[in-house]
Amino acid sequence: MTDQFHDPAKKVNADNGLPENTAKKKHGVVVGVDGSKRSLAAAIWAVREARRINAPLTMVSAYTLPVFPSVAVDAATGGHEDSALAQSCRQILEATKAELGDTEGVEVRCNVELGDPSTVLVDYSHNAEMLVAGPRGRGGFLGLLVGSVSRGLPAQAKCPVVLVPRGAEMTRADSDAPVVVASDGSEQGRVAMLRAAEEAIHRSDTCRLRIITAMAPVSSAVEWLPSTVDERAMFDELREKLDAGAAWLQSHFPNLNIETEVIDGVPVDAVVAESESARLTVVGTRGLGGFTGALLGSTSQGIAAHARGPVMIVPYHDDPRLADRPEYGPMIDQDPQE
């Protein structure tokens, strides 16, 4: 294991029969560390992920200097405070590293950064395979995910963001747990489906991909609709679109075991319930409604606060495999930038 306080070496993604990606992500798997038990849980999950994809693990802790308006601060005093805060971050990183357990085969890097944690994470995301953090906390990186910034970070990050609740750091790799992806038929949801399929294939030859979508009860959710609304017809239409999406995905991943289900319930509740037994739950960002829309509003707090397993939030990006989706049946068109 290597420990250093500067940018790590570059790595190249392994080719497992998936579309080749030649981009070099020098930060590998990045985990935000603030000394809490929740960040330790995230780091434990992240080190296994780094080993699985043969990437470095970059643990990052950040600090900001206090601001005293209209007060002249002696330069020497300011420098001492800067040094003390940086040293405190290093101690947090060292303590977390000591509790990681088995790091055999993983190059672990410990980086201390001066700056706002949200800005630091977004900067790292430009050259990372994924960002990992705990979904709750009082300060540091974890505090980001309980405030208003939680709505912006997944959308601003240039790589997937994985939230690992405390207690969910233990691996489910030895079980038959599937990778679950929440889809609402949007372009963003399709990007998440592609990533989820890749995650399932990378995990094992027998790992299943479970695609879910949810339909909230019309009678309780939209009481103003006329009583003639046919809920069964709405359910069947949603099922048709889900199956069409699954057929499209199967064409790109012919050896993947894919199953689908339309769940009668609220989308966020469905994600939380699936996260309890899934190896990994994947959702998209942006969108106008459903799962992806949930990550823009206050309901994102519900996923972050109540998830019972790792949840990967995938940012939208152009993917050439999206082009042939219309060939497989009905779909919902949504502009990624709306």
Protein backbone atom coordinates (compact mmCIF):
# COMPACT_ATOMS: atom_id res chain seq x y z
CA MET A 1 0.00 0.00 0.00
CA THR A 2 1.30 3.42 -0.95
CA ASP A 3 0.35 6.53 0.99
CA GLN A 4 1.15 9.96 -0.34
CA PHE A 5 -0.20 13.48 -0.30
CA HIS A 6 -0.28 14.37 -3.97
CA ASP A 7 -2.05 13.37 -7.16
CA PRO A 8 -1.92 9.63 -7.83
CA ALA A 9 -0.76 7.85 -10.97
CA LYS A 10 -3.00 7.33 -13.95
CA LYS A 11 -4.89 4.16 -14.70
CA VAL A 12 -6.62 2.73 -17.73
CA ASN A 13 -10.02 1.08 -17.60
CA ALA A 14 -9.98 -2.67 -18.11
CA ASP A 15 -11.65 -4.07 -21.22
CA ASN A 16 -14.28 -6.60 -20.18
CA GLY A 17 -16.03 -6.83 -23.50
CA LEU A 18 -17.78 -3.50 -22.97
CA PRO A 19 -17.39 -0.43 -25.19
CA GLU A 20 -13.76 0.61 -24.93
CA ASN A 21 -13.07 3.62 -22.75
CA THR A 22 -9.58 4.98 -23.18
CA ALA A 23 -9.98 7.85 -20.73
CA LYS A 24 -7.42 7.77 -17.94
CA LYS A 25 -8.89 8.54 -14.54
CA LYS A 26 -5.87 9.34 -12.40
CA HIS A 27 -7.82 9.76 -9.15
CA GLY A 28 -9.46 6.33 -9.41
CA VAL A 29 -12.09 5.87 -6.72
CA VAL A 30 -12.36 9.05 -4.63
CA VAL A 31 -13.83 8.99 -1.14
CA GLY A 32 -14.52 12.03 1.01
CA VAL A 33 -13.27 11.56 4.58
CA ASP A 34 -14.15 13.71 7.58
CA GLY A 35 -13.40 11.39 10.50
CA SER A 36 -16.96 10.25 11.13
CA LYS A 37 -18.15 6.65 11.28
CA ARG A 38 -20.18 7.29 8.16
CA SER A 39 -17.13 8.33 6.17
CA LEU A 40 -15.31 5.22 7.43
CA ALA A 41 -18.17 3.07 6.10
CA ALA A 42 -17.87 4.81 2.74
CA ALA A 43 -14.08 4.30 2.70
CA ILE A 44 -14.42 0.58 3.47
CA TRP A 45 -16.81 0.17 0.56
CA ALA A 46 -14.60 2.33 -1.67
CA VAL A 47 -11.42 0.30 -1.07
CA ARG A 48 -13.19 -2.87 -2.20
CA GLU A 49 -14.49 -1.06 -5.26
CA ALA A 50 -11.00 0.20 -6.08
CA ARG A 51 -9.66 -3.34 -5.87
CA ARG A 52 -12.48 -4.67 -8.04
CA ILE A 53 -11.83 -2.24 -10.89
CA ASN A 54 -8.04 -2.19 -10.40
CA ALA A 55 -7.93 1.50 -9.58
CA PRO A 56 -6.20 3.61 -6.92
CA LEU A 57 -8.17 4.74 -3.88
CA THR A 58 -7.88 8.46 -3.24
CA MET A 59 -9.05 9.52 0.21
CA VAL A 60 -9.62 13.26 0.39
CA SER A 61 -10.14 15.56 3.34
CA ALA A 62 -10.66 19.29 2.92
CA TYR A 63 -10.61 22.31 5.18
CA THR A 64 -11.43 25.99 4.90
CA LEU A 65 -9.92 28.91 6.78
CA PRO A 66 -12.25 30.91 9.02
CA VAL A 67 -13.15 34.38 7.79
CA PHE A 68 -13.15 37.35 10.15
CA PRO A 69 -14.81 40.32 8.40
CA SER A 70 -13.26 43.71 8.98
CA VAL A 71 -10.59 42.25 11.21
CA ALA A 72 -6.93 42.31 10.25
CA VAL A 73 -5.39 38.90 10.87
CA ASP A 74 -1.67 38.68 11.42
CA ALA A 75 -0.06 36.75 8.56
CA ALA A 76 1.95 34.56 10.91
CA THR A 77 -1.15 33.62 12.88
CA GLY A 78 -3.04 32.81 9.69
CA GLY A 79 -0.21 30.60 8.49
CA HIS A 80 -0.13 28.72 11.78
CA GLU A 81 -3.87 28.10 11.65
CA ASP A 82 -3.60 26.86 8.07
CA SER A 83 -0.87 24.41 9.07
CA ALA A 84 -2.82 23.18 12.10
CA LEU A 85 -5.97 22.54 10.07
CA ALA A 86 -4.03 20.72 7.37
CA GLN A 87 -2.35 18.56 10.01
CA SER A 88 -5.71 17.74 11.54
CA CYS A 89 -6.94 16.54 8.13
CA ARG A 90 -3.84 14.38 7.73
CA GLN A 91 -4.48 12.80 11.10
CA ILE A 92 -8.07 12.05 10.10
CA LEU A 93 -6.87 10.41 6.90
CA GLU A 94 -4.25 8.35 8.72
CA ALA A 95 -6.78 7.17 11.30
CA THR A 96 -9.24 6.20 8.56
CA LYS A 97 -6.53 4.36 6.63
CA ALA A 98 -5.63 2.38 9.75
CA GLU A 99 -9.25 1.19 10.05
CA LEU A 100 -9.73 0.17 6.43
CA GLY A 101 -8.73 -3.43 6.97
CA ASP A 102 -7.41 -5.34 3.98
CA THR A 103 -5.94 -3.00 1.35
CA GLU A 104 -3.79 -5.62 -0.38
CA GLY A 105 -3.42 -4.79 -4.05
CA VAL A 106 -4.83 -1.28 -3.69
CA GLU A 107 -2.75 1.85 -3.97
CA VAL A 108 -4.12 4.19 -1.30
CA ARG A 109 -3.50 7.92 -1.61
CA CYS A 110 -4.32 10.49 1.07
CA ASN A 111 -4.90 14.03 -0.16
CA VAL A 112 -5.47 17.15 1.93
CA GLU A 113 -7.07 20.07 0.12
CA LEU A 114 -7.73 23.69 1.06
CA GLY A 115 -11.17 24.65 -0.14
CA ASP A 116 -14.90 24.15 0.10
CA PRO A 117 -15.60 20.40 0.21
CA SER A 118 -18.26 20.55 -2.51
CA THR A 119 -15.91 22.38 -4.87
CA VAL A 120 -13.10 19.96 -4.06
CA LEU A 121 -15.28 16.93 -4.82
CA VAL A 122 -16.50 18.36 -8.10
CA ASP A 123 -12.93 19.17 -9.13
CA TYR A 124 -11.83 15.62 -8.36
CA SER A 125 -14.78 14.19 -10.29
CA HIS A 126 -13.32 15.41 -13.58
CA ASN A 127 -10.64 12.74 -13.31
CA ALA A 128 -12.23 10.05 -11.13
CA GLU A 129 -13.99 6.77 -11.81
CA MET A 130 -16.49 7.61 -9.07
CA LEU A 131 -16.99 9.67 -5.91
CA VAL A 132 -17.95 7.85 -2.72
CA ALA A 133 -19.36 9.36 0.47
CA GLY A 134 -21.71 8.66 3.34
CA PRO A 135 -25.18 10.12 2.81
CA ARG A 136 -25.47 11.83 6.20
CA GLY A 137 -23.26 13.69 8.61
CA ARG A 138 -22.81 16.96 10.48
CA GLY A 139 -19.88 18.46 8.66
CA GLY A 140 -17.15 17.98 6.11
CA PHE A 141 -18.00 15.99 3.01
CA LEU A 142 -20.94 14.23 4.62
CA GLY A 143 -22.55 17.48 5.68
CA LEU A 144 -22.80 18.37 1.99
CA LEU A 145 -25.35 15.68 1.43
CA VAL A 146 -27.92 16.89 3.96
CA GLY A 147 -28.08 20.49 2.83
CA SER A 148 -29.03 22.31 -0.33
CA VAL A 149 -25.75 21.26 -1.97
CA SER A 150 -27.06 17.68 -2.13
CA ARG A 151 -29.25 18.78 -5.01
CA GLY A 152 -26.32 20.15 -6.98
CA LEU A 153 -23.46 17.75 -6.34
CA PRO A 154 -24.77 14.74 -8.30
CA ALA A 155 -25.68 16.98 -11.24
CA GLN A 156 -22.36 18.87 -11.15
CA ALA A 157 -20.13 15.82 -10.70
CA LYS A 158 -18.53 14.50 -13.88
CA CYS A 159 -18.57 10.91 -12.65
CA PRO A 160 -21.01 8.73 -10.71
CA VAL A 161 -21.56 9.57 -7.04
CA VAL A 162 -22.06 6.61 -4.68
CA LEU A 163 -23.72 7.11 -1.29
CA VAL A 164 -22.89 4.38 1.22
CA PRO A 165 -25.02 4.45 4.38
CA ARG A 166 -23.39 3.45 7.64
CA GLY A 167 -23.97 -0.26 8.13
CA ALA A 168 -24.18 -0.89 4.38
CA GLU A 169 -20.43 -1.09 3.82
CA MET A 170 -20.39 -4.88 4.11
CA THR A 171 -20.20 -6.52 0.70
CA ARG A 172 -23.15 -8.44 -0.77
CA ALA A 173 -20.95 -10.02 -3.43
CA ASP A 174 -21.32 -13.52 -1.96
CA SER A 175 -25.11 -13.35 -2.18
CA ASP A 176 -27.38 -13.53 -5.23
CA ALA A 177 -28.26 -9.85 -4.78
CA PRO A 178 -28.81 -8.09 -8.11
CA VAL A 179 -27.75 -4.67 -9.31
CA VAL A 180 -30.96 -2.62 -9.39
CA VAL A 181 -31.57 0.33 -11.68
CA ALA A 182 -34.49 2.73 -11.31
CA SER A 183 -35.80 3.87 -14.68
CA ASP A 184 -38.51 6.36 -15.60
CA GLY A 185 -38.09 6.04 -19.36
CA SER A 186 -36.20 9.33 -19.68
CA GLU A 187 -32.90 9.82 -21.50
CA GLN A 188 -31.25 10.21 -18.11
CA GLY A 189 -32.80 6.96 -16.97
CA ARG A 190 -31.43 5.19 -20.04
CA VAL A 191 -27.92 6.42 -19.28
CA ALA A 192 -28.34 5.00 -15.77
CA MET A 193 -29.52 1.69 -17.26
CA LEU A 194 -26.38 1.43 -19.39
CA ARG A 195 -24.15 2.11 -16.41
CA ALA A 196 -26.06 -0.36 -14.24
CA ALA A 197 -25.66 -3.07 -16.89
CA GLU A 198 -21.91 -2.44 -16.95
CA GLU A 199 -21.80 -2.59 -13.16
CA ALA A 200 -23.62 -5.94 -13.15
CA ILE A 201 -21.31 -7.47 -15.76
CA HIS A 202 -18.19 -6.21 -14.01
CA ARG A 203 -19.28 -7.71 -10.70
CA SER A 204 -19.71 -11.32 -11.83
CA ASP A 205 -20.90 -13.47 -14.71
CA THR A 206 -23.98 -14.44 -12.73
CA CYS A 207 -24.97 -11.02 -11.37
CA ARG A 208 -28.52 -10.11 -12.39
CA LEU A 209 -29.73 -6.69 -13.44
CA ARG A 210 -33.14 -5.74 -12.09
CA ILE A 211 -34.88 -2.79 -13.79
CA ILE A 212 -37.69 -1.20 -11.82
CA THR A 213 -40.10 1.64 -12.38
CA ALA A 214 -42.88 2.86 -10.13
CA MET A 215 -46.39 4.19 -10.57
CA ALA A 216 -47.87 6.05 -7.64
CA PRO A 217 -51.56 5.21 -7.02
CA VAL A 218 -53.62 7.58 -9.15
CA SER A 219 -56.53 7.73 -6.69
CA SER A 220 -54.37 9.14 -3.91
CA ALA A 221 -51.71 10.99 -5.87
CA VAL A 222 -53.89 12.85 -8.39
CA GLU A 223 -57.36 13.17 -6.93
CA TRP A 224 -58.43 15.81 -9.42
CA LEU A 225 -58.27 13.39 -12.37
CA PRO A 226 -61.65 12.19 -13.66
CA SER A 227 -62.86 8.92 -12.21
CA THR A 228 -62.79 7.40 -15.68
CA VAL A 229 -58.99 7.22 -15.64
CA ASP A 230 -58.03 3.60 -16.29
CA GLU A 231 -55.23 2.78 -13.86
CA ARG A 232 -54.82 -0.65 -15.42
CA ALA A 233 -54.25 0.94 -18.84
CA MET A 234 -51.68 3.31 -17.34
CA PHE A 235 -49.94 0.39 -15.66
CA ASP A 236 -49.89 -1.61 -18.90
CA GLU A 237 -48.51 1.35 -20.84
CA LEU A 238 -45.74 1.77 -18.28
CA ARG A 239 -45.00 -1.96 -18.47
CA GLU A 240 -44.81 -1.78 -22.28
CA LYS A 241 -42.28 1.04 -22.13
CA LEU A 242 -40.24 -0.72 -19.44
CA ASP A 243 -40.11 -3.94 -21.46
CA ALA A 244 -39.12 -2.01 -24.59
CA GLY A 245 -36.28 -0.42 -22.65
CA ALA A 246 -35.19 -3.80 -21.36
CA ALA A 247 -35.18 -5.23 -24.89
CA TRP A 248 -32.99 -2.35 -26.04
CA LEU A 249 -30.59 -2.87 -23.16
CA GLN A 250 -30.46 -6.62 -23.79
CA SER A 251 -29.38 -5.93 -27.37
CA HIS A 252 -26.27 -4.20 -26.05
CA PHE A 253 -25.66 -6.74 -23.28
CA PRO A 254 -26.83 -10.08 -24.76
CA ASN A 255 -25.28 -12.21 -22.01
CA LEU A 256 -26.77 -10.25 -19.12
CA ASN A 257 -29.65 -11.71 -17.10
CA ILE A 258 -32.23 -8.88 -17.04
CA GLU A 259 -35.50 -8.83 -15.11
CA THR A 260 -38.09 -6.05 -14.86
CA GLU A 261 -40.88 -4.99 -12.53
CA VAL A 262 -43.41 -2.17 -12.38
CA ILE A 263 -43.92 -1.31 -8.71
CA ASP A 264 -47.15 0.15 -7.42
CA GLY A 265 -45.90 2.92 -5.16
CA VAL A 266 -43.96 6.14 -4.78
CA PRO A 267 -40.65 6.16 -6.72
CA VAL A 268 -38.46 7.26 -3.80
CA ASP A 269 -40.00 4.63 -1.52
CA ALA A 270 -39.35 2.02 -4.20
CA VAL A 271 -35.67 2.99 -4.46
CA VAL A 272 -35.23 2.85 -0.70
CA ALA A 273 -36.92 -0.57 -0.47
CA GLU A 274 -34.79 -2.01 -3.28
CA SER A 275 -31.60 -0.68 -1.71
CA GLU A 276 -32.10 -2.93 1.30
CA SER A 277 -31.25 -6.08 -0.64
CA ALA A 278 -29.53 -4.85 -3.84
CA ARG A 279 -25.82 -5.22 -4.41
CA LEU A 280 -25.95 -1.70 -5.84
CA THR A 281 -28.89 0.58 -6.65
CA VAL A 282 -28.42 2.90 -9.63
CA VAL A 283 -30.39 6.05 -10.48
CA GLY A 284 -29.94 8.90 -12.93
CA THR A 285 -29.76 12.64 -12.44
CA ARG A 286 -31.94 15.39 -13.85
CA GLY A 287 -35.18 14.60 -15.62
CA LEU A 288 -38.69 15.93 -15.30
CA GLY A 289 -40.23 13.31 -13.06
CA GLY A 290 -40.04 9.81 -11.66
CA PHE A 291 -36.72 8.63 -10.26
CA THR A 292 -34.52 11.16 -12.04
CA GLY A 293 -36.75 14.10 -11.16
CA ALA A 294 -36.71 12.99 -7.54
CA LEU A 295 -32.99 13.69 -7.36
CA LEU A 296 -33.52 17.36 -8.11
CA GLY A 297 -36.08 18.16 -5.45
CA SER A 298 -36.49 17.74 -1.74
CA THR A 299 -37.24 14.04 -2.16
CA SER A 300 -33.55 13.48 -2.86
CA GLN A 301 -33.17 13.97 0.88
CA GLY A 302 -35.36 10.91 1.39
CA ILE A 303 -33.11 8.67 -0.70
CA ALA A 304 -29.97 10.00 0.97
CA ALA A 305 -31.38 9.74 4.48
CA HIS A 306 -33.08 6.34 4.23
CA ALA A 307 -31.17 4.22 1.70
CA ARG A 308 -30.17 0.86 3.18
CA GLY A 309 -27.48 0.01 0.67
CA PRO A 310 -25.05 1.71 -1.73
CA VAL A 311 -26.81 4.03 -4.20
CA MET A 312 -25.01 5.17 -7.37
CA ILE A 313 -26.19 8.46 -8.91
CA VAL A 314 -25.13 8.63 -12.57
CA PRO A 315 -24.76 12.04 -14.25
CA TYR A 316 -26.12 12.47 -17.74
CA HIS A 317 -23.66 12.15 -20.62
CA ASP A 318 -23.93 11.48 -24.34
CA ASP A 319 -23.66 7.79 -25.18
CA PRO A 320 -23.78 6.47 -28.77
CA ARG A 321 -25.78 3.46 -27.61
CA LEU A 322 -28.75 5.75 -26.94
CA ALA A 323 -29.24 6.29 -30.66
CA ASP A 324 -30.99 3.00 -31.40
CA ARG A 325 -33.41 3.06 -28.46
CA PRO A 326 -36.40 4.19 -30.61
CA GLU A 327 -36.12 0.97 -32.63
CA TYR A 328 -37.31 -1.09 -29.65
CA GLY A 329 -40.68 0.45 -28.91
CA PRO A 330 -42.43 3.29 -27.06
CA MET A 331 -40.37 5.66 -24.97
CA ILE A 332 -40.56 8.96 -23.12
CA ASP A 333 -38.60 11.80 -24.70
CA GLN A 334 -36.98 14.24 -22.30
CA ASP A 335 -34.36 16.84 -23.04
CA PRO A 336 -31.29 16.14 -20.81
CA GLN A 337 -30.80 19.86 -20.30
CA GLU A 338 -34.32 20.64 -19.12
